[in-house]
Amino acid sequence: MPKMVDSSFDRRANHLLRSIQLCGGCVPLHRLQFQFSDSVIQTLLDKELVQVQNRAIRNSQFAVKDKSLGKINYTFCQKIEIPVICSVPPFPS
């Protein structure tokens, strides 16, 4: 039986790839997980159109709520690594 092609799935995968490219080529993975399904992301990974990398963010400040005091403390980190998804540049012809 021939494989059915889901055009809406292909549109979502193309939209994800275009979104990554418009954001400069790399987007934090946690930003995409609520907008795109894991299967759409995995399809682009399988086709080797994107790759996941760990990127360092330097001099970041994070708000942490202290439950015991009920106030927000700010924590300063020198370096933290987060996973990002990056588009793979096309190979020259």
N, C-alpha and C. Protein backbone atom coordinates (compact mmCIF):
# COMPACT_ATOMS: atom_id res chain seq x y z
N MET A 1 0.84 -1.17 0.00
CA MET A 1 0.00 0.00 0.00
C MET A 1 0.89 1.25 0.00
N PRO A 2 0.61 2.22 -0.87
CA PRO A 2 1.45 3.41 -0.93
C PRO A 2 1.34 4.23 0.36
N LYS A 3 2.44 4.88 0.69
CA LYS A 3 2.49 5.70 1.89
C LYS A 3 1.70 6.98 1.65
N MET A 4 0.83 7.33 2.61
CA MET A 4 0.03 8.54 2.49
C MET A 4 0.88 9.74 2.91
N VAL A 5 0.79 10.82 2.13
CA VAL A 5 1.53 12.03 2.45
C VAL A 5 0.57 13.00 3.10
N ASP A 6 0.91 13.45 4.29
CA ASP A 6 0.09 14.41 5.01
C ASP A 6 0.60 15.80 4.69
N SER A 7 -0.12 16.52 3.85
CA SER A 7 0.35 17.83 3.40
C SER A 7 0.37 18.83 4.56
N SER A 8 -0.53 18.69 5.53
CA SER A 8 -0.51 19.61 6.66
C SER A 8 0.74 19.38 7.51
N PHE A 9 1.16 18.11 7.63
CA PHE A 9 2.38 17.80 8.37
C PHE A 9 3.59 18.41 7.67
N ASP A 10 3.65 18.28 6.34
CA ASP A 10 4.74 18.88 5.57
C ASP A 10 4.74 20.40 5.70
N ARG A 11 3.56 21.00 5.71
CA ARG A 11 3.48 22.45 5.88
C ARG A 11 4.02 22.87 7.24
N ARG A 12 3.68 22.10 8.29
CA ARG A 12 4.18 22.43 9.63
C ARG A 12 5.70 22.28 9.69
N ALA A 13 6.23 21.23 9.06
CA ALA A 13 7.69 21.03 9.04
C ALA A 13 8.38 22.16 8.28
N ASN A 14 7.82 22.56 7.15
CA ASN A 14 8.39 23.67 6.38
C ASN A 14 8.29 24.98 7.15
N HIS A 15 7.18 25.17 7.86
CA HIS A 15 7.00 26.38 8.67
C HIS A 15 8.04 26.43 9.79
N LEU A 16 8.29 25.30 10.43
CA LEU A 16 9.30 25.23 11.48
C LEU A 16 10.69 25.57 10.92
N LEU A 17 11.04 24.97 9.81
CA LEU A 17 12.34 25.23 9.21
C LEU A 17 12.49 26.71 8.84
N ARG A 18 11.46 27.28 8.26
CA ARG A 18 11.49 28.71 7.88
C ARG A 18 11.58 29.59 9.12
N SER A 19 10.87 29.22 10.18
CA SER A 19 10.91 29.99 11.42
C SER A 19 12.32 30.00 12.01
N ILE A 20 12.97 28.86 11.99
CA ILE A 20 14.34 28.77 12.50
C ILE A 20 15.27 29.64 11.67
N GLN A 21 15.11 29.60 10.36
CA GLN A 21 15.97 30.39 9.47
C GLN A 21 15.74 31.88 9.67
N LEU A 22 14.49 32.29 9.90
CA LEU A 22 14.19 33.70 10.10
C LEU A 22 14.70 34.22 11.44
N CYS A 23 14.89 33.34 12.39
CA CYS A 23 15.42 33.72 13.71
C CYS A 23 16.93 33.69 13.75
N GLY A 24 17.57 33.69 12.62
CA GLY A 24 19.02 33.70 12.58
C GLY A 24 19.66 32.33 12.50
N GLY A 25 18.85 31.30 12.33
CA GLY A 25 19.40 29.97 12.15
C GLY A 25 19.37 29.09 13.38
N CYS A 26 19.21 29.67 14.58
CA CYS A 26 19.18 28.89 15.82
C CYS A 26 18.08 29.41 16.74
N VAL A 27 17.37 28.49 17.34
CA VAL A 27 16.29 28.83 18.27
C VAL A 27 16.39 27.88 19.47
N PRO A 28 16.25 28.40 20.69
CA PRO A 28 16.23 27.49 21.84
C PRO A 28 15.13 26.44 21.69
N LEU A 29 15.49 25.21 21.95
CA LEU A 29 14.56 24.10 21.76
C LEU A 29 13.31 24.25 22.60
N HIS A 30 13.44 24.77 23.82
CA HIS A 30 12.26 24.89 24.68
C HIS A 30 11.22 25.86 24.12
N ARG A 31 11.63 26.79 23.26
CA ARG A 31 10.68 27.70 22.64
C ARG A 31 9.80 27.00 21.60
N LEU A 32 10.36 25.98 20.96
CA LEU A 32 9.65 25.31 19.87
C LEU A 32 8.75 24.18 20.34
N GLN A 33 9.04 23.62 21.51
CA GLN A 33 8.32 22.42 21.94
C GLN A 33 6.85 22.67 22.21
N PHE A 34 6.45 23.90 22.43
CA PHE A 34 5.04 24.19 22.65
C PHE A 34 4.35 24.63 21.37
N GLN A 35 5.13 24.95 20.34
CA GLN A 35 4.56 25.41 19.07
C GLN A 35 4.50 24.30 18.03
N PHE A 36 5.43 23.35 18.12
CA PHE A 36 5.52 22.28 17.13
C PHE A 36 5.59 20.94 17.84
N SER A 37 4.98 19.94 17.24
CA SER A 37 4.99 18.60 17.85
C SER A 37 6.39 18.00 17.76
N ASP A 38 6.65 17.05 18.65
CA ASP A 38 7.93 16.36 18.63
C ASP A 38 8.17 15.65 17.31
N SER A 39 7.09 15.14 16.69
CA SER A 39 7.25 14.41 15.43
C SER A 39 7.68 15.33 14.29
N VAL A 40 7.22 16.58 14.31
CA VAL A 40 7.65 17.55 13.28
C VAL A 40 9.13 17.86 13.47
N ILE A 41 9.54 18.10 14.71
CA ILE A 41 10.95 18.37 14.99
C ILE A 41 11.81 17.17 14.63
N GLN A 42 11.34 15.96 14.99
CA GLN A 42 12.10 14.75 14.71
C GLN A 42 12.23 14.51 13.22
N THR A 43 11.20 14.84 12.44
CA THR A 43 11.27 14.68 10.98
C THR A 43 12.39 15.52 10.39
N LEU A 44 12.50 16.77 10.84
CA LEU A 44 13.57 17.63 10.33
C LEU A 44 14.94 17.12 10.77
N LEU A 45 15.01 16.56 11.98
CA LEU A 45 16.27 15.97 12.44
C LEU A 45 16.63 14.75 11.59
N ASP A 46 15.64 13.90 11.30
CA ASP A 46 15.88 12.70 10.49
C ASP A 46 16.33 13.04 9.08
N LYS A 47 15.77 14.12 8.53
CA LYS A 47 16.15 14.55 7.17
C LYS A 47 17.44 15.34 7.17
N GLU A 48 18.02 15.53 8.37
CA GLU A 48 19.28 16.27 8.55
C GLU A 48 19.18 17.71 8.04
N LEU A 49 17.99 18.31 8.20
CA LEU A 49 17.79 19.71 7.85
C LEU A 49 18.08 20.62 9.04
N VAL A 50 18.03 20.05 10.24
CA VAL A 50 18.35 20.78 11.47
C VAL A 50 19.21 19.88 12.35
N GLN A 51 19.83 20.48 13.34
CA GLN A 51 20.59 19.71 14.31
C GLN A 51 20.44 20.37 15.67
N VAL A 52 20.57 19.59 16.72
CA VAL A 52 20.49 20.11 18.08
C VAL A 52 21.91 20.28 18.59
N GLN A 53 22.17 21.44 19.16
CA GLN A 53 23.47 21.75 19.72
C GLN A 53 23.28 22.33 21.12
N ASN A 54 24.29 22.24 21.94
CA ASN A 54 24.28 22.94 23.22
C ASN A 54 24.99 24.27 23.02
N ARG A 55 24.32 25.33 23.37
CA ARG A 55 24.91 26.66 23.25
C ARG A 55 25.04 27.28 24.63
N ALA A 56 26.12 27.94 24.83
CA ALA A 56 26.37 28.60 26.11
C ALA A 56 25.78 30.01 26.09
N ILE A 57 25.11 30.33 27.16
CA ILE A 57 24.62 31.69 27.37
C ILE A 57 25.45 32.24 28.52
N ARG A 58 26.11 33.33 28.30
CA ARG A 58 26.98 33.90 29.32
C ARG A 58 26.29 35.08 30.01
N ASN A 59 26.68 35.27 31.24
CA ASN A 59 26.20 36.42 32.02
C ASN A 59 24.68 36.53 32.01
N SER A 60 24.03 35.46 32.39
CA SER A 60 22.57 35.42 32.40
C SER A 60 22.06 35.62 33.82
N GLN A 61 20.94 36.27 33.92
CA GLN A 61 20.33 36.49 35.22
C GLN A 61 18.97 35.81 35.23
N PHE A 62 18.72 35.02 36.26
CA PHE A 62 17.48 34.27 36.37
C PHE A 62 16.76 34.66 37.64
N ALA A 63 15.45 34.75 37.57
CA ALA A 63 14.64 35.03 38.75
C ALA A 63 14.25 33.71 39.40
N VAL A 64 14.50 33.60 40.69
CA VAL A 64 14.17 32.40 41.44
C VAL A 64 13.32 32.82 42.63
N LYS A 65 12.14 32.23 42.76
CA LYS A 65 11.27 32.58 43.87
C LYS A 65 11.64 31.74 45.08
N ASP A 66 11.90 32.41 46.18
CA ASP A 66 12.22 31.75 47.44
C ASP A 66 10.91 31.44 48.14
N LYS A 67 10.56 30.16 48.22
CA LYS A 67 9.27 29.76 48.79
C LYS A 67 9.17 30.08 50.28
N SER A 68 10.27 29.98 50.99
CA SER A 68 10.22 30.20 52.43
C SER A 68 9.96 31.67 52.76
N LEU A 69 10.48 32.58 51.97
CA LEU A 69 10.30 34.00 52.24
C LEU A 69 9.22 34.64 51.37
N GLY A 70 8.82 33.93 50.31
CA GLY A 70 7.80 34.46 49.41
C GLY A 70 8.27 35.63 48.57
N LYS A 71 9.55 35.75 48.37
CA LYS A 71 10.06 36.84 47.55
C LYS A 71 10.91 36.28 46.41
N ILE A 72 11.20 37.14 45.45
CA ILE A 72 11.98 36.74 44.29
C ILE A 72 13.43 37.16 44.49
N ASN A 73 14.32 36.21 44.35
CA ASN A 73 15.76 36.47 44.38
C ASN A 73 16.28 36.33 42.97
N TYR A 74 17.24 37.15 42.62
CA TYR A 74 17.85 37.05 41.30
C TYR A 74 19.19 36.35 41.41
N THR A 75 19.36 35.34 40.59
CA THR A 75 20.58 34.55 40.58
C THR A 75 21.35 34.89 39.31
N PHE A 76 22.61 35.19 39.46
CA PHE A 76 23.44 35.54 38.32
C PHE A 76 24.35 34.35 37.99
N CYS A 77 24.32 33.89 36.77
CA CYS A 77 25.13 32.75 36.34
C CYS A 77 26.16 33.24 35.33
N GLN A 78 27.37 32.80 35.50
CA GLN A 78 28.42 33.16 34.55
C GLN A 78 28.21 32.48 33.20
N LYS A 79 27.78 31.22 33.24
CA LYS A 79 27.62 30.48 31.99
C LYS A 79 26.61 29.36 32.22
N ILE A 80 25.71 29.20 31.29
CA ILE A 80 24.76 28.10 31.32
C ILE A 80 24.61 27.59 29.89
N GLU A 81 24.42 26.30 29.74
CA GLU A 81 24.23 25.73 28.41
C GLU A 81 22.80 25.28 28.24
N ILE A 82 22.22 25.62 27.10
CA ILE A 82 20.87 25.18 26.79
C ILE A 82 20.87 24.54 25.40
N PRO A 83 19.98 23.55 25.17
CA PRO A 83 19.91 22.98 23.83
C PRO A 83 19.20 23.94 22.87
N VAL A 84 19.76 24.08 21.70
CA VAL A 84 19.15 24.89 20.64
C VAL A 84 19.03 24.03 19.39
N ILE A 85 18.08 24.37 18.56
CA ILE A 85 17.92 23.67 17.29
C ILE A 85 18.35 24.64 16.19
N CYS A 86 19.24 24.20 15.32
CA CYS A 86 19.83 25.06 14.30
C CYS A 86 19.58 24.47 12.91
N SER A 87 19.29 25.35 11.97
CA SER A 87 19.15 24.88 10.60
C SER A 87 20.53 24.56 10.05
N VAL A 88 20.59 23.55 9.24
CA VAL A 88 21.85 23.13 8.62
C VAL A 88 21.95 23.85 7.28
N PRO A 89 23.06 24.58 7.07
CA PRO A 89 23.17 25.29 5.79
C PRO A 89 23.25 24.30 4.63
N PRO A 90 22.62 24.62 3.52
CA PRO A 90 22.67 23.71 2.37
C PRO A 90 24.09 23.59 1.84
N PHE A 91 24.41 22.41 1.35
CA PHE A 91 25.70 22.20 0.76
C PHE A 91 25.78 22.90 -0.58
N PRO A 92 26.94 23.52 -0.92
CA PRO A 92 27.05 24.16 -2.23
C PRO A 92 26.95 23.13 -3.35
N SER A 93 26.30 23.53 -4.43
CA SER A 93 26.10 22.61 -5.56
C SER A 93 27.37 22.43 -6.35
